[in-house]
Amino acid sequence: MRTRTLALSAASVAALLAAAASIPAAQAQPVPGAAPAVTTVGADSAADAPAAGIKEGSVSAADLLAKVTSCTQISNGKYRTDEDTSPTVPVCGKNGAVFWKADMDIDCDGQITTACNKNTDPWFQADTAFHTSDGKPLSAEKLPYVVVPSASSIWNYANSGIKGGGIVAVIYNNKVEYAVVGDTGPSQIIGEASYATAKALGIDPDPKTGGADSGVTYILFQNSKASPIESHSAAVTAGEALAQQFIQNN
C-alpha cells in the first residue's frame, strides 16, 4: 500500500468471444460514472503471463481513445500527478467505466523480487493493498496492475464500482495493456502503475528514474474483476470483452 509522500515524475479467440457474450449490453448505465453489474472472469491458471492465443491490444488504442476525448467529471476535485505539481487531473465518468489521463510513476511494492526490493526502490514496501488468492502481496515485477488514489473527499474509488482486481485498460503510445487494480496510493496524487505495466508499454520501469511524464490514459471498468487477481490471462480475457462493450456503449 502506497504511503510515500514523494512520487517520481515521470484462452483463445473462442474464449474471448465467450467472455464477450457473457456480458450483456444491459449492464451499461445511462449515467456516467454509475456502476454496472459485477463482471468476473476467472482463469484455470494463476500464471502472470497471458495465455497462449490471447493477443493484448486487439481492441485498438485509437478506438478506445476516441471514446474518452471529453470528460464528465465525477471527482469532487482534481489530483496532482506529483507532490510538487498543481491539481489538474479529474476522474471522469463514462457508461460502464471511469477514466483519467495522467503520467505514470512506477510502483514496485509487493513481493520482493530482483527488480523490486528496498535496494532498487527507496520507497519500497513489501505489501500491496490487495492480495493474491492465497493471501500474498502482488508482484509488481510480474503482474500488470494500476494504483488508485486512497479514498478521500476528492473521490472514493469504491463508490464508483472500482475494486481490487478490477480490470483496467492502460493506453500509451498507441499500445493497450490490460491490468488490474492492485494497490492504493496517496489520496491527492494520481497516475501510477506497476513495474510490469510500464515494461509492457515500453515505458522505463525503473522505480527511481523511470515512468512517463504524460500521455497515459487509464480506463477502469466498473464492477469488473479478474479471478484470481494474480492471473494476467484472466485480466486480458475480461479486458478485451469489456473494451469491446465500452466502445459499443459510448
Protein backbone atom coordinates (compact mmCIF):
# COMPACT_ATOMS: atom_id res chain seq x y z
CA MET A 1 0.00 0.00 0.00
CA ARG A 2 1.45 3.33 -1.02
CA THR A 3 2.17 5.85 1.72
CA ARG A 4 5.11 7.58 0.06
CA THR A 5 4.98 11.37 0.17
CA LEU A 6 7.03 11.89 -2.95
CA ALA A 7 6.13 10.35 -6.32
CA LEU A 8 8.62 10.03 -9.18
CA SER A 9 7.94 12.01 -12.36
CA ALA A 10 7.99 10.68 -14.94
CA ALA A 11 -7.71 -18.60 -23.82
CA SER A 12 -8.03 -18.25 -27.46
CA VAL A 13 -10.43 -16.40 -29.76
CA ALA A 14 -13.24 -18.66 -28.67
CA ALA A 15 -12.62 -17.93 -25.04
CA LEU A 16 -12.66 -14.22 -25.79
CA LEU A 17 -15.91 -14.43 -27.70
CA ALA A 18 -17.44 -16.47 -24.92
CA ALA A 19 -16.37 -13.87 -22.40
CA ALA A 20 -17.82 -11.11 -24.52
CA ALA A 21 -21.09 -12.97 -24.98
CA SER A 22 -21.41 -13.45 -21.24
CA ILE A 23 -21.54 -9.69 -20.64
CA PRO A 24 -24.99 -8.40 -21.59
CA ALA A 25 -25.24 -4.94 -23.07
CA ALA A 26 -27.86 -4.13 -20.48
CA GLN A 27 -25.07 -3.63 -17.98
CA ALA A 28 -24.32 -0.24 -19.46
CA GLN A 29 -25.67 2.60 -17.36
CA PRO A 30 -27.09 5.84 -18.72
CA VAL A 31 -25.40 7.98 -16.07
CA PRO A 32 -21.62 8.46 -16.46
CA GLY A 33 -19.78 7.03 -13.51
CA ALA A 34 -22.66 4.81 -12.40
CA ALA A 35 -21.58 1.23 -11.74
CA PRO A 36 -22.93 -1.66 -13.84
CA ALA A 37 -23.46 -5.21 -12.57
CA VAL A 38 -20.41 -7.18 -11.49
CA THR A 39 -18.40 -8.90 -14.22
CA THR A 40 -16.00 -11.57 -13.00
CA VAL A 41 -13.79 -13.54 -15.35
CA GLY A 42 -11.83 -16.47 -13.99
CA ALA A 43 -8.87 -18.44 -15.24
CA ASP A 44 -7.77 -22.04 -14.92
CA SER A 45 -4.26 -20.93 -14.09
CA ALA A 46 -2.86 -18.22 -11.87
CA ALA A 47 0.01 -17.55 -14.27
CA ASP A 48 1.13 -13.96 -14.60
CA ALA A 49 1.77 -14.18 -18.36
CA PRO A 50 -1.07 -14.04 -20.91
CA ALA A 51 -2.38 -17.41 -22.03
CA ALA A 52 -1.40 -18.63 -25.48
CA GLY A 53 -3.76 -17.33 -28.14
CA ILE A 54 -4.66 -14.13 -26.30
CA LYS A 55 -3.32 -11.07 -28.04
CA GLU A 56 -3.34 -7.93 -25.96
CA GLY A 57 -4.40 -4.83 -27.78
CA SER A 58 -6.63 -6.37 -30.45
CA VAL A 59 -9.01 -3.58 -29.47
CA SER A 60 -7.07 -0.63 -30.79
CA ALA A 61 -5.79 2.20 -28.69
CA ALA A 62 -7.28 4.64 -31.19
CA ASP A 63 -10.78 3.19 -30.79
CA LEU A 64 -10.60 3.40 -27.02
CA LEU A 65 -9.12 6.89 -27.00
CA ALA A 66 -11.86 8.10 -29.34
CA LYS A 67 -14.33 7.45 -26.53
CA VAL A 68 -12.52 9.49 -23.90
CA THR A 69 -11.95 12.77 -25.70
CA SER A 70 -14.25 14.66 -23.33
CA CYS A 71 -14.64 14.46 -19.58
CA THR A 72 -17.74 14.39 -17.42
CA GLN A 73 -16.03 14.96 -14.10
CA ILE A 74 -17.18 12.70 -11.26
CA SER A 75 -14.48 13.58 -8.73
CA ASN A 76 -15.11 16.45 -6.32
CA GLY A 77 -11.81 17.99 -7.27
CA LYS A 78 -8.66 17.25 -9.23
CA TYR A 79 -5.49 15.30 -8.49
CA ARG A 80 -1.82 16.13 -8.67
CA THR A 81 0.45 13.93 -10.77
CA ASP A 82 3.29 14.51 -8.29
CA GLU A 83 3.56 16.11 -4.89
CA ASP A 84 5.06 19.31 -6.27
CA THR A 85 2.57 19.87 -9.12
CA SER A 86 -0.79 21.62 -9.22
CA PRO A 87 -4.01 19.56 -9.17
CA THR A 88 -5.00 19.24 -12.83
CA VAL A 89 -6.32 15.69 -13.30
CA PRO A 90 -10.04 14.94 -12.86
CA VAL A 91 -11.62 11.50 -12.64
CA CYS A 92 -14.13 11.27 -15.49
CA GLY A 93 -17.22 9.11 -15.95
CA LYS A 94 -18.44 7.15 -18.97
CA ASN A 95 -21.02 4.40 -19.40
CA GLY A 96 -19.51 1.41 -17.63
CA ALA A 97 -16.15 2.95 -16.76
CA VAL A 98 -14.22 5.78 -15.20
CA PHE A 99 -11.02 7.19 -16.63
CA TRP A 100 -8.24 9.68 -16.19
CA LYS A 101 -5.31 10.92 -18.22
CA ALA A 102 -2.06 11.42 -16.36
CA ASP A 103 1.57 10.42 -16.07
CA MET A 104 2.90 7.06 -14.92
CA ASP A 105 5.00 6.71 -11.81
CA ILE A 106 6.38 3.26 -11.06
CA ASP A 107 5.01 1.16 -8.20
CA CYS A 108 7.43 -1.61 -7.19
CA ASP A 109 5.67 -2.59 -3.96
CA GLY A 110 4.63 -6.11 -3.01
CA GLN A 111 6.59 -9.32 -3.28
CA ILE A 112 10.35 -8.95 -3.05
CA THR A 113 11.89 -9.73 -6.44
CA THR A 114 15.08 -8.99 -8.35
CA ALA A 115 13.63 -5.79 -9.81
CA CYS A 116 11.54 -4.71 -6.83
CA ASN A 117 13.12 -4.50 -3.42
CA LYS A 118 14.41 -1.93 -0.95
CA ASN A 119 17.67 -1.57 -2.89
CA THR A 120 16.06 -0.84 -6.26
CA ASP A 121 13.22 1.30 -4.86
CA PRO A 122 13.85 3.72 -1.98
CA TRP A 123 10.08 3.82 -1.29
CA PHE A 124 9.65 0.03 -1.41
CA GLN A 125 7.03 -1.58 0.79
CA ALA A 126 6.65 -5.36 0.95
CA ASP A 127 2.85 -5.23 0.72
CA THR A 128 0.04 -4.12 -1.58
CA ALA A 129 -3.48 -3.02 -0.74
CA PHE A 130 -4.91 -6.08 -2.50
CA HIS A 131 -3.59 -9.61 -2.26
CA THR A 132 -3.35 -12.80 -4.31
CA SER A 133 -5.86 -15.63 -3.91
CA ASP A 134 -3.58 -17.22 -1.31
CA GLY A 135 -3.16 -14.01 0.66
CA LYS A 136 0.23 -12.85 -0.55
CA PRO A 137 1.14 -9.34 -1.76
CA LEU A 138 1.04 -8.87 -5.52
CA SER A 139 4.23 -8.93 -7.58
CA ALA A 140 4.83 -5.56 -9.21
CA GLU A 141 7.59 -7.04 -11.35
CA LYS A 142 5.38 -9.78 -12.82
CA LEU A 143 1.79 -8.52 -12.67
CA PRO A 144 0.46 -5.52 -14.59
CA TYR A 145 -1.54 -3.54 -12.07
CA VAL A 146 -2.67 0.03 -11.53
CA VAL A 147 -2.64 2.14 -8.38
CA VAL A 148 -5.76 4.10 -7.43
CA PRO A 149 -5.74 7.05 -5.02
CA SER A 150 -6.80 6.21 -1.49
CA ALA A 151 -10.35 7.28 -0.66
CA SER A 152 -10.69 10.96 0.17
CA SER A 153 -13.07 13.90 -0.19
CA ILE A 154 -11.86 14.19 -3.78
CA TRP A 155 -13.03 10.73 -4.81
CA ASN A 156 -13.75 7.32 -3.30
CA TYR A 157 -12.99 4.67 -5.89
CA ALA A 158 -15.28 2.11 -4.22
CA ASN A 159 -18.30 4.39 -4.67
CA SER A 160 -17.71 4.25 -8.42
CA GLY A 161 -17.68 0.47 -8.59
CA ILE A 162 -13.90 0.18 -8.64
CA LYS A 163 -12.45 -2.65 -6.57
CA GLY A 164 -9.32 -4.66 -6.05
CA GLY A 165 -8.80 -6.90 -9.06
CA GLY A 166 -10.91 -4.62 -11.26
CA ILE A 167 -9.97 -4.57 -14.94
CA VAL A 168 -8.10 -1.58 -16.38
CA ALA A 169 -7.10 -0.73 -19.94
CA VAL A 170 -3.88 1.30 -19.82
CA ILE A 171 -3.06 3.12 -23.05
CA TYR A 172 0.25 4.69 -24.03
CA ASN A 173 1.94 5.37 -27.35
CA ASN A 174 -0.74 3.50 -29.32
CA LYS A 175 -0.43 0.41 -27.13
CA VAL A 176 -3.08 -1.16 -24.89
CA GLU A 177 -2.12 -3.15 -21.80
CA TYR A 178 -4.75 -4.81 -19.63
CA ALA A 179 -4.09 -4.64 -15.92
CA VAL A 180 -5.90 -4.96 -12.61
CA VAL A 181 -6.45 -2.56 -9.74
CA GLY A 182 -3.70 -3.77 -7.41
CA ASP A 183 -2.70 -1.07 -4.95
CA THR A 184 -3.73 2.24 -3.45
CA GLY A 185 -1.66 5.39 -3.31
CA PRO A 186 -1.60 8.90 -1.83
CA SER A 187 -5.04 10.44 -1.53
CA GLN A 188 -4.20 13.50 -3.61
CA ILE A 189 -1.91 12.01 -6.31
CA ILE A 190 -2.89 10.01 -9.38
CA GLY A 191 -1.02 8.27 -12.21
CA GLU A 192 0.87 5.20 -11.04
CA ALA A 193 1.21 1.57 -12.17
CA SER A 194 3.35 -1.46 -11.53
CA TYR A 195 6.79 -2.22 -12.92
CA ALA A 196 5.21 -4.88 -15.18
CA THR A 197 2.65 -2.44 -16.61
CA ALA A 198 5.31 0.08 -17.55
CA LYS A 199 7.59 -2.54 -19.07
CA ALA A 200 4.76 -3.97 -21.22
CA LEU A 201 4.01 -0.49 -22.59
CA GLY A 202 7.63 0.30 -23.41
CA ILE A 203 7.99 2.73 -20.51
CA ASP A 204 11.18 2.66 -18.45
CA PRO A 205 10.11 0.62 -15.37
CA ASP A 206 12.93 1.73 -13.09
CA PRO A 207 11.23 2.87 -9.86
CA LYS A 208 13.88 5.52 -9.28
CA THR A 209 14.28 7.09 -12.71
CA GLY A 210 11.61 5.57 -14.95
CA GLY A 211 7.99 6.31 -15.75
CA ALA A 212 6.30 8.62 -18.22
CA ASP A 213 5.75 12.33 -17.69
CA SER A 214 2.40 12.37 -19.50
CA GLY A 215 0.31 10.71 -22.19
CA VAL A 216 -1.04 7.76 -20.22
CA THR A 217 -4.78 7.00 -20.23
CA TYR A 218 -6.31 4.74 -17.61
CA ILE A 219 -9.79 3.29 -18.29
CA LEU A 220 -11.18 1.39 -15.30
CA PHE A 221 -14.17 -0.86 -16.00
CA GLN A 222 -16.73 -0.64 -13.21
CA ASN A 223 -17.61 -3.68 -11.10
CA SER A 224 -15.33 -5.94 -13.10
CA LYS A 225 -12.89 -8.37 -11.53
CA ALA A 226 -10.21 -10.79 -12.66
CA SER A 227 -10.31 -14.04 -10.75
CA PRO A 228 -7.84 -14.77 -9.42
CA ILE A 229 -6.42 -11.29 -9.24
CA GLU A 230 -2.90 -12.58 -9.98
CA SER A 231 -3.91 -14.13 -13.31
CA HIS A 232 -2.93 -11.77 -16.08
CA SER A 233 -4.62 -14.02 -18.64
CA ALA A 234 -7.93 -13.53 -16.79
CA ALA A 235 -7.43 -9.76 -16.97
CA VAL A 236 -6.70 -9.92 -20.70
CA THR A 237 -9.76 -12.06 -21.45
CA ALA A 238 -12.04 -9.80 -19.44
CA GLY A 239 -10.36 -6.65 -20.69
CA GLU A 240 -10.87 -7.46 -24.36
CA ALA A 241 -14.57 -8.16 -23.83
CA LEU A 242 -15.09 -5.09 -21.65
CA ALA A 243 -13.21 -2.86 -24.08
CA GLN A 244 -15.45 -4.00 -26.93
CA GLN A 245 -18.53 -3.33 -24.81
CA PHE A 246 -17.19 0.06 -23.77
CA ILE A 247 -16.74 1.11 -27.40
CA GLN A 248 -20.24 -0.07 -28.29
CA ASN A 249 -21.91 1.72 -25.39
CA ASN A 250 -20.20 5.10 -25.55
